[in-house]
C-alpha cells in the first residue's frame, strides 16, 4: 500500500471512530454501527453513511460529515432507531469501511 493510500485509510478510520464516539455520547441502546462507503460530494463535503443496530432501510438512514475544523456532525437522518442518552463506545460492535463510493 502506498503512503498516500495509508494516510487516506488512517484518516477515514480516525473520522469514523470520531463519529462512533459522537453518536455514542448522544444515544442509548446502540449495539452496532456499520459504515457504508463514504462519498465526496460535489462541493467537497465528505459524507459517511452508516447503519445503526442493523436498520438498513431508507427510513433509518444516518449520515455524518466532517466540519472545516475536522470535527464531525450528523448531517442527515430520518428516524434514529435508538433513544437519547449515552452508550459506552466499547459496548458497540463497529464495522468500519474505508472504501470510497461512486
C-alpha atoms as a PDB file:
ATOM      1  CA  UNK A   1       0.000   0.000   0.000  1.00  0.00           C
ATOM      2  CA  UNK A   2       1.396   3.403  -0.954  1.00  0.00           C
ATOM      3  CA  UNK A   3       1.983   6.056   1.700  1.00  0.00           C
ATOM      4  CA  UNK A   4      -0.817   8.313   0.384  1.00  0.00           C
ATOM      5  CA  UNK A   5      -3.243   5.373   0.467  1.00  0.00           C
ATOM      6  CA  UNK A   6      -2.174   4.510   4.022  1.00  0.00           C
ATOM      7  CA  UNK A   7      -2.768   8.123   5.070  1.00  0.00           C
ATOM      8  CA  UNK A   8      -6.217   8.158   3.425  1.00  0.00           C
ATOM      9  CA  UNK A   9      -7.240   4.915   5.155  1.00  0.00           C
ATOM     10  CA  UNK A  10      -5.921   6.171   8.515  1.00  0.00           C
ATOM     11  CA  UNK A  11      -7.836   9.464   8.169  1.00  0.00           C
ATOM     12  CA  UNK A  12     -11.081   7.717   7.188  1.00  0.00           C
ATOM     13  CA  UNK A  13     -10.823   5.289  10.112  1.00  0.00           C
ATOM     14  CA  UNK A  14      -9.954   8.118  12.545  1.00  0.00           C
ATOM     15  CA  UNK A  15     -13.001  10.048  11.318  1.00  0.00           C
ATOM     16  CA  UNK A  16     -15.269   7.004  11.644  1.00  0.00           C
ATOM     17  CA  UNK A  17     -14.018   6.458  15.212  1.00  0.00           C
ATOM     18  CA  UNK A  18     -14.864  10.105  15.994  1.00  0.00           C
ATOM     19  CA  UNK A  19     -18.354   9.533  14.531  1.00  0.00           C
ATOM     20  CA  UNK A  20     -18.886   6.462  16.744  1.00  0.00           C
ATOM     21  CA  UNK A  21     -17.765   8.440  19.806  1.00  0.00           C
ATOM     22  CA  UNK A  22     -20.061  11.364  18.934  1.00  0.00           C
ATOM     23  CA  UNK A  23     -23.070   9.132  18.264  1.00  0.00           C
ATOM     24  CA  UNK A  24     -22.490   7.077  21.438  1.00  0.00           C
ATOM     25  CA  UNK A  25     -22.338  10.261  23.519  1.00  0.00           C
ATOM     26  CA  UNK A  26     -25.853  11.213  22.378  1.00  0.00           C
ATOM     27  CA  UNK A  27     -27.795   7.941  22.081  1.00  0.00           C
ATOM     28  CA  UNK A  28     -28.502   4.944  24.342  1.00  0.00           C
ATOM     29  CA  UNK A  29     -29.020   1.362  23.190  1.00  0.00           C
ATOM     30  CA  UNK A  30     -26.518   1.441  20.340  1.00  0.00           C
ATOM     31  CA  UNK A  31     -25.393  -2.145  19.747  1.00  0.00           C
ATOM     32  CA  UNK A  32     -23.930  -1.978  16.238  1.00  0.00           C
ATOM     33  CA  UNK A  33     -22.742   0.650  13.782  1.00  0.00           C
ATOM     34  CA  UNK A  34     -21.863  -0.352  10.237  1.00  0.00           C
ATOM     35  CA  UNK A  35     -20.311   2.191   7.896  1.00  0.00           C
ATOM     36  CA  UNK A  36     -21.071   2.149   4.185  1.00  0.00           C
ATOM     37  CA  UNK A  37     -18.687   3.560   1.563  1.00  0.00           C
ATOM     38  CA  UNK A  38     -18.025   7.253   2.119  1.00  0.00           C
ATOM     39  CA  UNK A  39     -18.763   9.848  -0.565  1.00  0.00           C
ATOM     40  CA  UNK A  40     -17.136  13.098  -1.602  1.00  0.00           C
ATOM     41  CA  UNK A  41     -19.959  15.423  -2.631  1.00  0.00           C
ATOM     42  CA  UNK A  42     -19.602  17.984  -5.481  1.00  0.00           C
ATOM     43  CA  UNK A  43     -18.745  20.890  -3.143  1.00  0.00           C
ATOM     44  CA  UNK A  44     -16.039  18.826  -1.427  1.00  0.00           C
ATOM     45  CA  UNK A  45     -18.040  17.718   1.613  1.00  0.00           C
ATOM     46  CA  UNK A  46     -17.211  14.188   2.748  1.00  0.00           C
ATOM     47  CA  UNK A  47     -20.271  12.173   3.832  1.00  0.00           C
ATOM     48  CA  UNK A  48     -20.192   8.986   5.911  1.00  0.00           C
ATOM     49  CA  UNK A  49     -23.435   6.945   5.725  1.00  0.00           C
ATOM     50  CA  UNK A  50     -23.964   4.376   8.479  1.00  0.00           C
ATOM     51  CA  UNK A  51     -26.463   1.806   9.709  1.00  0.00           C
ATOM     52  CA  UNK A  52     -27.316   1.576  13.407  1.00  0.00           C
ATOM     53  CA  UNK A  53     -28.485  -1.648  15.092  1.00  0.00           C
ATOM     54  CA  UNK A  54     -28.962  -3.382  11.748  1.00  0.00           C
ATOM     55  CA  UNK A  55     -31.518  -0.937  10.333  1.00  0.00           C
ATOM     56  CA  UNK A  56     -30.668  -0.619   6.642  1.00  0.00           C
ATOM     57  CA  UNK A  57     -33.942   0.739   5.251  1.00  0.00           C
ATOM     58  CA  UNK A  58     -34.330   4.253   3.837  1.00  0.00           C
ATOM     59  CA  UNK A  59     -36.319   5.409   6.876  1.00  0.00           C
ATOM     60  CA  UNK A  60     -33.314   4.862   9.165  1.00  0.00           C
ATOM     61  CA  UNK A  61     -30.543   6.405   7.020  1.00  0.00           C
ATOM     62  CA  UNK A  62     -27.983   8.333   9.068  1.00  0.00           C
ATOM     63  CA  UNK A  63     -25.035  10.295   7.668  1.00  0.00           C
ATOM     64  CA  UNK A  64     -22.238  12.327   9.192  1.00  0.00           C
ATOM     65  CA  UNK A  65     -19.980  14.944   7.603  1.00  0.00           C
ATOM     66  CA  UNK A  66     -16.647  16.487   8.566  1.00  0.00           C
ATOM     67  CA  UNK A  67     -16.638  20.164   9.582  1.00  0.00           C
ATOM     68  CA  UNK A  68     -13.907  22.542   8.405  1.00  0.00           C
ATOM     69  CA  UNK A  69     -12.184  22.216  11.798  1.00  0.00           C
ATOM     70  CA  UNK A  70     -12.040  18.412  11.478  1.00  0.00           C
ATOM     71  CA  UNK A  71     -14.868  17.727  13.925  1.00  0.00           C
ATOM     72  CA  UNK A  72     -17.829  15.583  12.864  1.00  0.00           C
ATOM     73  CA  UNK A  73     -21.569  16.252  12.877  1.00  0.00           C
ATOM     74  CA  UNK A  74     -24.713  14.376  11.999  1.00  0.00           C
ATOM     75  CA  UNK A  75     -25.845  15.876   8.722  1.00  0.00           C
ATOM     76  CA  UNK A  76     -28.724  13.728   7.568  1.00  0.00           C
ATOM     77  CA  UNK A  77     -31.151  11.377   9.243  1.00  0.00           C
ATOM     78  CA  UNK A  78     -34.753  10.274   9.032  1.00  0.00           C
ATOM     79  CA  UNK A  79     -35.650   8.168  12.066  1.00  0.00           C
ATOM     80  CA  UNK A  80     -32.942   7.319  14.571  1.00  0.00           C
ATOM     81  CA  UNK A  81     -33.562   3.751  15.841  1.00  0.00           C
ATOM     82  CA  UNK A  82     -32.347   4.473  19.395  1.00  0.00           C
ATOM     83  CA  UNK A  83     -33.271   6.876  22.197  1.00  0.00           C
ATOM     84  CA  UNK A  84     -31.430   9.917  23.545  1.00  0.00           C
ATOM     85  CA  UNK A  85     -28.874   9.037  26.203  1.00  0.00           C
ATOM     86  CA  UNK A  86     -25.388   7.545  26.194  1.00  0.00           C
ATOM     87  CA  UNK A  87     -23.756   4.260  25.179  1.00  0.00           C
ATOM     88  CA  UNK A  88     -20.238   3.134  26.071  1.00  0.00           C
ATOM     89  CA  UNK A  89     -18.159   3.074  22.897  1.00  0.00           C
ATOM     90  CA  UNK A  90     -16.578  -0.233  23.969  1.00  0.00           C
ATOM     91  CA  UNK A  91     -20.052  -1.842  24.011  1.00  0.00           C
ATOM     92  CA  UNK A  92     -20.675  -1.050  20.320  1.00  0.00           C
ATOM     93  CA  UNK A  93     -19.688  -3.530  17.594  1.00  0.00           C
ATOM     94  CA  UNK A  94     -18.369  -1.330  14.789  1.00  0.00           C
ATOM     95  CA  UNK A  95     -17.823  -2.362  11.170  1.00  0.00           C
ATOM     96  CA  UNK A  96     -15.527   0.167   9.522  1.00  0.00           C
ATOM     97  CA  UNK A  97     -15.429   0.772   5.767  1.00  0.00           C
ATOM     98  CA  UNK A  98     -12.564   2.801   4.307  1.00  0.00           C
ATOM     99  CA  UNK A  99     -13.712   2.473   0.680  1.00  0.00           C
ATOM    100  CA  UNK A 100     -14.882   5.465  -1.324  1.00  0.00           C
ATOM    101  CA  UNK A 101     -18.241   5.221  -3.091  1.00  0.00           C
ATOM    102  CA  UNK A 102     -19.013   6.433  -6.598  1.00  0.00           C
END
